[in-house]
Amino acid sequence: SDLTNSYAWDTAIVFIQEMKNSNYANANCDTTGNDILKNTGKTGDKVCNIFDMAANLLEWTTEYSTNTNSSRAYPCIVRGGGYDYNVVYTANRNYDDATDSGSIIGFHVSLYIK
């Protein structure tokens, strides 16, 4: 198993779009303004047995960013939607620093099966 990389994230979006939802890359989180973290699967965001890509938490990935500002670097990438952000979507890429934490950030893992 491994932290999800950009290829796995994008491949899951393509798979879901082909199987169930042709516009899943643009799906976003709970747009009702509900700022409450939900248990996995309770957001209505289970598609093809893949949970919470469009909603609930931004997800750390293995991608690397070269984005910097005058005071620090942002080498990490988070993907997906968050429970208190109604402007981010499944295919979203956002940069962050490795020391950031909070209730809005989580992770998916990729399980490799032989």
N, C-alpha and C. Protein backbone atom coordinates (compact mmCIF):
# COMPACT_ATOMS: atom_id res chain seq x y z
N SER A 1 0.85 -1.18 0.00
CA SER A 1 0.00 0.00 0.00
C SER A 1 0.89 1.24 0.00
N ASP A 2 0.30 2.37 -0.35
CA ASP A 2 1.06 3.60 -0.50
C ASP A 2 0.08 4.77 -0.42
N LEU A 3 0.61 5.94 -0.11
CA LEU A 3 -0.18 7.15 -0.21
C LEU A 3 -0.54 7.34 -1.68
N THR A 4 -1.76 7.73 -1.97
CA THR A 4 -2.22 7.86 -3.35
C THR A 4 -1.39 8.89 -4.11
N ASN A 5 -1.03 8.53 -5.33
CA ASN A 5 -0.29 9.46 -6.19
C ASN A 5 -1.24 10.11 -7.19
N SER A 6 -0.74 11.05 -7.95
CA SER A 6 -1.60 11.78 -8.89
C SER A 6 -2.16 10.86 -9.98
N TYR A 7 -1.36 9.90 -10.44
CA TYR A 7 -1.83 8.99 -11.47
C TYR A 7 -3.02 8.17 -10.96
N ALA A 8 -2.92 7.62 -9.75
CA ALA A 8 -4.02 6.84 -9.18
C ALA A 8 -5.26 7.70 -8.98
N TRP A 9 -5.07 8.94 -8.50
CA TRP A 9 -6.21 9.84 -8.28
C TRP A 9 -6.93 10.13 -9.60
N ASP A 10 -6.15 10.51 -10.61
CA ASP A 10 -6.74 10.84 -11.90
C ASP A 10 -7.36 9.62 -12.58
N THR A 11 -6.73 8.46 -12.42
CA THR A 11 -7.28 7.23 -12.99
C THR A 11 -8.61 6.86 -12.33
N ALA A 12 -8.72 7.05 -11.02
CA ALA A 12 -9.99 6.79 -10.33
C ALA A 12 -11.08 7.71 -10.85
N ILE A 13 -10.75 8.98 -11.08
CA ILE A 13 -11.75 9.91 -11.62
C ILE A 13 -12.22 9.45 -13.00
N VAL A 14 -11.29 9.07 -13.86
CA VAL A 14 -11.65 8.60 -15.21
C VAL A 14 -12.52 7.36 -15.11
N PHE A 15 -12.15 6.41 -14.25
CA PHE A 15 -12.94 5.19 -14.06
C PHE A 15 -14.36 5.52 -13.62
N ILE A 16 -14.51 6.37 -12.62
CA ILE A 16 -15.84 6.75 -12.14
C ILE A 16 -16.63 7.44 -13.23
N GLN A 17 -16.00 8.31 -13.98
CA GLN A 17 -16.72 9.02 -15.05
C GLN A 17 -17.20 8.05 -16.13
N GLU A 18 -16.39 7.04 -16.45
CA GLU A 18 -16.80 6.07 -17.46
C GLU A 18 -17.88 5.13 -16.96
N MET A 19 -17.86 4.80 -15.66
CA MET A 19 -18.79 3.83 -15.11
C MET A 19 -20.11 4.44 -14.62
N LYS A 20 -20.05 5.59 -13.98
CA LYS A 20 -21.24 6.09 -13.27
C LYS A 20 -21.58 7.55 -13.50
N ASN A 21 -20.58 8.40 -13.56
CA ASN A 21 -20.84 9.84 -13.49
C ASN A 21 -19.92 10.56 -14.47
N SER A 22 -20.46 10.99 -15.59
CA SER A 22 -19.63 11.56 -16.65
C SER A 22 -18.99 12.90 -16.28
N ASN A 23 -19.40 13.51 -15.19
CA ASN A 23 -18.84 14.80 -14.80
C ASN A 23 -18.24 14.76 -13.39
N TYR A 24 -17.76 13.60 -12.96
CA TYR A 24 -17.27 13.44 -11.59
C TYR A 24 -16.06 14.31 -11.29
N ALA A 25 -15.24 14.63 -12.28
CA ALA A 25 -14.06 15.47 -12.05
C ALA A 25 -14.46 16.85 -11.53
N ASN A 26 -15.67 17.28 -11.85
CA ASN A 26 -16.15 18.59 -11.41
C ASN A 26 -17.12 18.50 -10.24
N ALA A 27 -17.29 17.31 -9.67
CA ALA A 27 -18.16 17.17 -8.50
C ALA A 27 -17.52 17.91 -7.33
N ASN A 28 -18.36 18.52 -6.50
CA ASN A 28 -17.80 19.22 -5.35
C ASN A 28 -18.46 18.74 -4.07
N CYS A 29 -18.05 19.31 -2.98
CA CYS A 29 -18.49 18.87 -1.67
C CYS A 29 -19.90 19.34 -1.37
N ASP A 30 -20.31 19.13 -0.19
CA ASP A 30 -21.61 19.54 0.32
C ASP A 30 -21.77 21.05 0.13
N THR A 31 -22.64 21.45 -0.77
CA THR A 31 -22.81 22.87 -1.06
C THR A 31 -23.89 23.52 -0.18
N THR A 32 -24.35 22.81 0.83
CA THR A 32 -25.38 23.37 1.70
C THR A 32 -24.79 24.26 2.78
N GLY A 33 -23.46 24.36 2.82
CA GLY A 33 -22.81 25.17 3.84
C GLY A 33 -22.66 24.43 5.16
N ASN A 34 -22.85 23.11 5.14
CA ASN A 34 -22.74 22.29 6.34
C ASN A 34 -21.27 22.12 6.69
N ASP A 35 -20.81 22.80 7.72
CA ASP A 35 -19.39 22.76 8.10
C ASP A 35 -19.09 21.69 9.13
N ILE A 36 -19.62 20.49 8.92
CA ILE A 36 -19.43 19.40 9.87
C ILE A 36 -18.78 18.22 9.17
N LEU A 37 -17.65 17.77 9.70
CA LEU A 37 -16.97 16.60 9.17
C LEU A 37 -17.88 15.39 9.32
N LYS A 38 -18.00 14.61 8.26
CA LYS A 38 -18.87 13.44 8.28
C LYS A 38 -18.05 12.16 8.30
N ASN A 39 -18.64 11.09 8.81
CA ASN A 39 -17.98 9.79 8.77
C ASN A 39 -17.85 9.35 7.32
N THR A 40 -16.80 8.61 7.01
CA THR A 40 -16.57 8.13 5.65
C THR A 40 -17.82 7.44 5.13
N GLY A 41 -18.21 7.82 3.92
CA GLY A 41 -19.37 7.23 3.29
C GLY A 41 -20.68 7.93 3.61
N LYS A 42 -20.71 8.83 4.56
CA LYS A 42 -21.94 9.51 4.95
C LYS A 42 -22.20 10.77 4.15
N THR A 43 -21.28 11.13 3.26
CA THR A 43 -21.45 12.35 2.47
C THR A 43 -22.26 12.11 1.21
N GLY A 44 -22.61 10.85 0.93
CA GLY A 44 -23.24 10.53 -0.34
C GLY A 44 -22.22 10.45 -1.45
N ASP A 45 -20.96 10.42 -1.10
CA ASP A 45 -19.87 10.42 -2.06
C ASP A 45 -19.19 9.05 -2.11
N LYS A 46 -19.97 8.03 -2.35
CA LYS A 46 -19.43 6.68 -2.60
C LYS A 46 -19.84 6.32 -4.02
N VAL A 47 -18.85 6.26 -4.89
CA VAL A 47 -19.11 5.93 -6.28
C VAL A 47 -18.16 4.81 -6.68
N CYS A 48 -18.70 3.71 -7.20
CA CYS A 48 -17.88 2.56 -7.61
C CYS A 48 -17.01 2.06 -6.46
N ASN A 49 -17.55 2.07 -5.25
CA ASN A 49 -16.85 1.65 -4.03
C ASN A 49 -15.61 2.49 -3.72
N ILE A 50 -15.56 3.70 -4.21
CA ILE A 50 -14.50 4.66 -3.88
C ILE A 50 -15.17 5.77 -3.09
N PHE A 51 -14.65 6.04 -1.88
CA PHE A 51 -15.28 6.98 -0.97
C PHE A 51 -14.60 8.34 -0.96
N ASP A 52 -15.39 9.37 -0.80
CA ASP A 52 -14.96 10.71 -0.39
C ASP A 52 -13.90 11.39 -1.25
N MET A 53 -13.95 11.23 -2.54
CA MET A 53 -13.01 11.98 -3.38
C MET A 53 -13.51 13.41 -3.62
N ALA A 54 -14.82 13.57 -3.71
CA ALA A 54 -15.36 14.90 -4.01
C ALA A 54 -15.74 15.66 -2.75
N ALA A 55 -15.85 14.99 -1.66
CA ALA A 55 -16.37 15.64 -0.46
C ALA A 55 -15.62 15.21 0.78
N ASN A 56 -15.91 15.88 1.83
CA ASN A 56 -15.43 15.60 3.17
C ASN A 56 -14.03 16.12 3.43
N LEU A 57 -12.97 15.54 2.86
CA LEU A 57 -11.60 15.96 3.19
C LEU A 57 -10.75 16.22 1.95
N LEU A 58 -9.87 17.21 2.05
CA LEU A 58 -8.79 17.32 1.09
C LEU A 58 -7.84 16.17 1.38
N GLU A 59 -7.23 15.61 0.36
CA GLU A 59 -6.42 14.40 0.54
C GLU A 59 -4.96 14.65 0.16
N TRP A 60 -4.01 14.34 1.08
CA TRP A 60 -2.60 14.40 0.75
C TRP A 60 -2.31 13.41 -0.37
N THR A 61 -1.44 13.77 -1.29
CA THR A 61 -0.97 12.84 -2.32
C THR A 61 0.56 12.88 -2.35
N THR A 62 1.14 12.04 -3.19
CA THR A 62 2.60 12.01 -3.31
C THR A 62 3.12 13.04 -4.31
N GLU A 63 2.25 13.84 -4.89
CA GLU A 63 2.69 14.86 -5.85
C GLU A 63 3.58 15.89 -5.17
N TYR A 64 4.40 16.54 -5.98
CA TYR A 64 5.32 17.55 -5.48
C TYR A 64 5.04 18.87 -6.19
N SER A 65 5.06 19.95 -5.43
CA SER A 65 4.84 21.30 -5.96
C SER A 65 6.10 22.14 -5.78
N THR A 66 6.37 22.99 -6.74
CA THR A 66 7.49 23.93 -6.62
C THR A 66 6.99 25.31 -6.21
N ASN A 67 5.74 25.41 -5.81
CA ASN A 67 5.15 26.70 -5.45
C ASN A 67 5.78 27.26 -4.18
N THR A 68 6.14 28.52 -4.21
CA THR A 68 6.69 29.21 -3.04
C THR A 68 6.12 30.62 -2.99
N ASN A 69 6.16 31.23 -1.82
CA ASN A 69 5.92 32.66 -1.71
C ASN A 69 7.10 33.25 -0.96
N SER A 70 7.03 34.48 -0.58
CA SER A 70 8.20 35.14 0.01
C SER A 70 8.64 34.55 1.35
N SER A 71 7.75 33.85 2.04
CA SER A 71 8.11 33.39 3.38
C SER A 71 8.30 31.87 3.50
N ARG A 72 7.77 31.08 2.59
CA ARG A 72 7.93 29.63 2.72
C ARG A 72 7.57 28.91 1.43
N ALA A 73 7.94 27.63 1.39
CA ALA A 73 7.64 26.78 0.24
C ALA A 73 6.39 25.95 0.52
N TYR A 74 5.73 25.54 -0.54
CA TYR A 74 4.54 24.69 -0.44
C TYR A 74 4.76 23.46 -1.32
N PRO A 75 5.55 22.49 -0.85
CA PRO A 75 5.93 21.37 -1.70
C PRO A 75 4.90 20.26 -1.82
N CYS A 76 3.84 20.29 -1.04
CA CYS A 76 2.87 19.19 -0.99
C CYS A 76 1.61 19.54 -1.76
N ILE A 77 0.94 18.50 -2.24
CA ILE A 77 -0.31 18.67 -2.98
C ILE A 77 -1.44 17.95 -2.24
N VAL A 78 -2.58 18.62 -2.11
CA VAL A 78 -3.80 18.00 -1.63
C VAL A 78 -4.79 18.00 -2.78
N ARG A 79 -5.63 16.96 -2.82
CA ARG A 79 -6.59 16.80 -3.92
C ARG A 79 -7.99 16.66 -3.35
N GLY A 80 -8.97 16.88 -4.19
CA GLY A 80 -10.36 16.63 -3.85
C GLY A 80 -11.06 17.79 -3.19
N GLY A 81 -12.22 17.48 -2.62
CA GLY A 81 -13.07 18.48 -1.98
C GLY A 81 -13.00 18.38 -0.48
N GLY A 82 -13.48 19.41 0.19
CA GLY A 82 -13.47 19.44 1.64
C GLY A 82 -14.83 19.81 2.18
N TYR A 83 -15.14 19.33 3.37
CA TYR A 83 -16.48 19.53 3.92
C TYR A 83 -16.84 20.99 4.15
N ASP A 84 -15.88 21.87 4.28
CA ASP A 84 -16.24 23.27 4.46
C ASP A 84 -15.77 24.16 3.31
N TYR A 85 -15.48 23.53 2.18
CA TYR A 85 -15.14 24.28 0.97
C TYR A 85 -16.10 23.90 -0.13
N ASN A 86 -16.97 24.80 -0.54
CA ASN A 86 -17.88 24.45 -1.63
C ASN A 86 -17.36 24.92 -2.98
N VAL A 87 -16.11 25.37 -3.04
CA VAL A 87 -15.55 25.83 -4.31
C VAL A 87 -14.48 24.88 -4.85
N VAL A 88 -14.14 23.83 -4.14
CA VAL A 88 -13.18 22.85 -4.64
C VAL A 88 -13.91 21.63 -5.16
N TYR A 89 -13.27 20.84 -5.98
CA TYR A 89 -13.92 19.74 -6.66
C TYR A 89 -12.96 18.55 -6.74
N THR A 90 -13.46 17.44 -7.23
CA THR A 90 -12.71 16.19 -7.22
C THR A 90 -11.34 16.29 -7.89
N ALA A 91 -11.25 16.90 -9.04
CA ALA A 91 -9.98 16.98 -9.77
C ALA A 91 -9.08 18.10 -9.26
N ASN A 92 -9.53 18.85 -8.27
CA ASN A 92 -8.78 19.98 -7.72
C ASN A 92 -7.40 19.57 -7.23
N ARG A 93 -6.40 20.43 -7.52
CA ARG A 93 -5.05 20.31 -6.97
C ARG A 93 -4.78 21.59 -6.22
N ASN A 94 -4.37 21.48 -4.99
CA ASN A 94 -4.03 22.64 -4.20
C ASN A 94 -2.70 22.37 -3.50
N TYR A 95 -1.86 23.35 -3.37
CA TYR A 95 -0.57 23.16 -2.74
C TYR A 95 -0.64 23.50 -1.25
N ASP A 96 0.26 22.91 -0.50
CA ASP A 96 0.29 23.11 0.95
C ASP A 96 1.71 22.83 1.44
N ASP A 97 1.96 23.13 2.70
CA ASP A 97 3.27 22.77 3.25
C ASP A 97 3.14 21.53 4.11
N ALA A 98 4.24 20.87 4.36
CA ALA A 98 4.24 19.59 5.05
C ALA A 98 3.86 19.70 6.52
N THR A 99 3.87 20.89 7.07
CA THR A 99 3.55 21.05 8.49
C THR A 99 2.08 21.36 8.73
N ASP A 100 1.29 21.53 7.66
CA ASP A 100 -0.12 21.87 7.82
C ASP A 100 -0.90 20.68 8.36
N SER A 101 -1.85 20.94 9.19
CA SER A 101 -2.75 19.91 9.70
C SER A 101 -4.08 20.56 10.00
N GLY A 102 -5.08 19.74 10.19
CA GLY A 102 -6.39 20.27 10.52
C GLY A 102 -7.47 19.26 10.19
N SER A 103 -8.68 19.61 10.53
CA SER A 103 -9.80 18.68 10.34
C SER A 103 -10.21 18.55 8.89
N ILE A 104 -9.69 19.36 8.01
CA ILE A 104 -10.09 19.33 6.61
C ILE A 104 -9.15 18.49 5.75
N ILE A 105 -8.03 18.01 6.31
CA ILE A 105 -7.03 17.28 5.52
C ILE A 105 -6.92 15.84 6.00
N GLY A 106 -6.97 14.92 5.05
CA GLY A 106 -6.81 13.50 5.34
C GLY A 106 -5.99 12.84 4.24
N PHE A 107 -6.20 11.56 4.01
CA PHE A 107 -5.47 10.88 2.94
C PHE A 107 -6.21 9.63 2.50
N HIS A 108 -5.98 9.25 1.27
CA HIS A 108 -6.40 7.97 0.72
C HIS A 108 -5.14 7.12 0.57
N VAL A 109 -5.28 5.84 0.63
CA VAL A 109 -4.15 4.95 0.32
C VAL A 109 -4.51 4.12 -0.91
N SER A 110 -3.49 3.73 -1.64
CA SER A 110 -3.65 2.82 -2.76
C SER A 110 -3.21 1.45 -2.29
N LEU A 111 -4.04 0.45 -2.51
CA LEU A 111 -3.73 -0.92 -2.15
C LEU A 111 -3.41 -1.66 -3.43
N TYR A 112 -2.22 -2.22 -3.49
CA TYR A 112 -1.80 -2.96 -4.68
C TYR A 112 -2.11 -4.44 -4.49
N ILE A 113 -2.82 -5.00 -5.44
CA ILE A 113 -3.23 -6.41 -5.38
C ILE A 113 -2.56 -7.16 -6.52
N LYS A 114 -1.91 -8.27 -6.17
CA LYS A 114 -1.25 -9.10 -7.20
C LYS A 114 -2.26 -9.93 -7.94
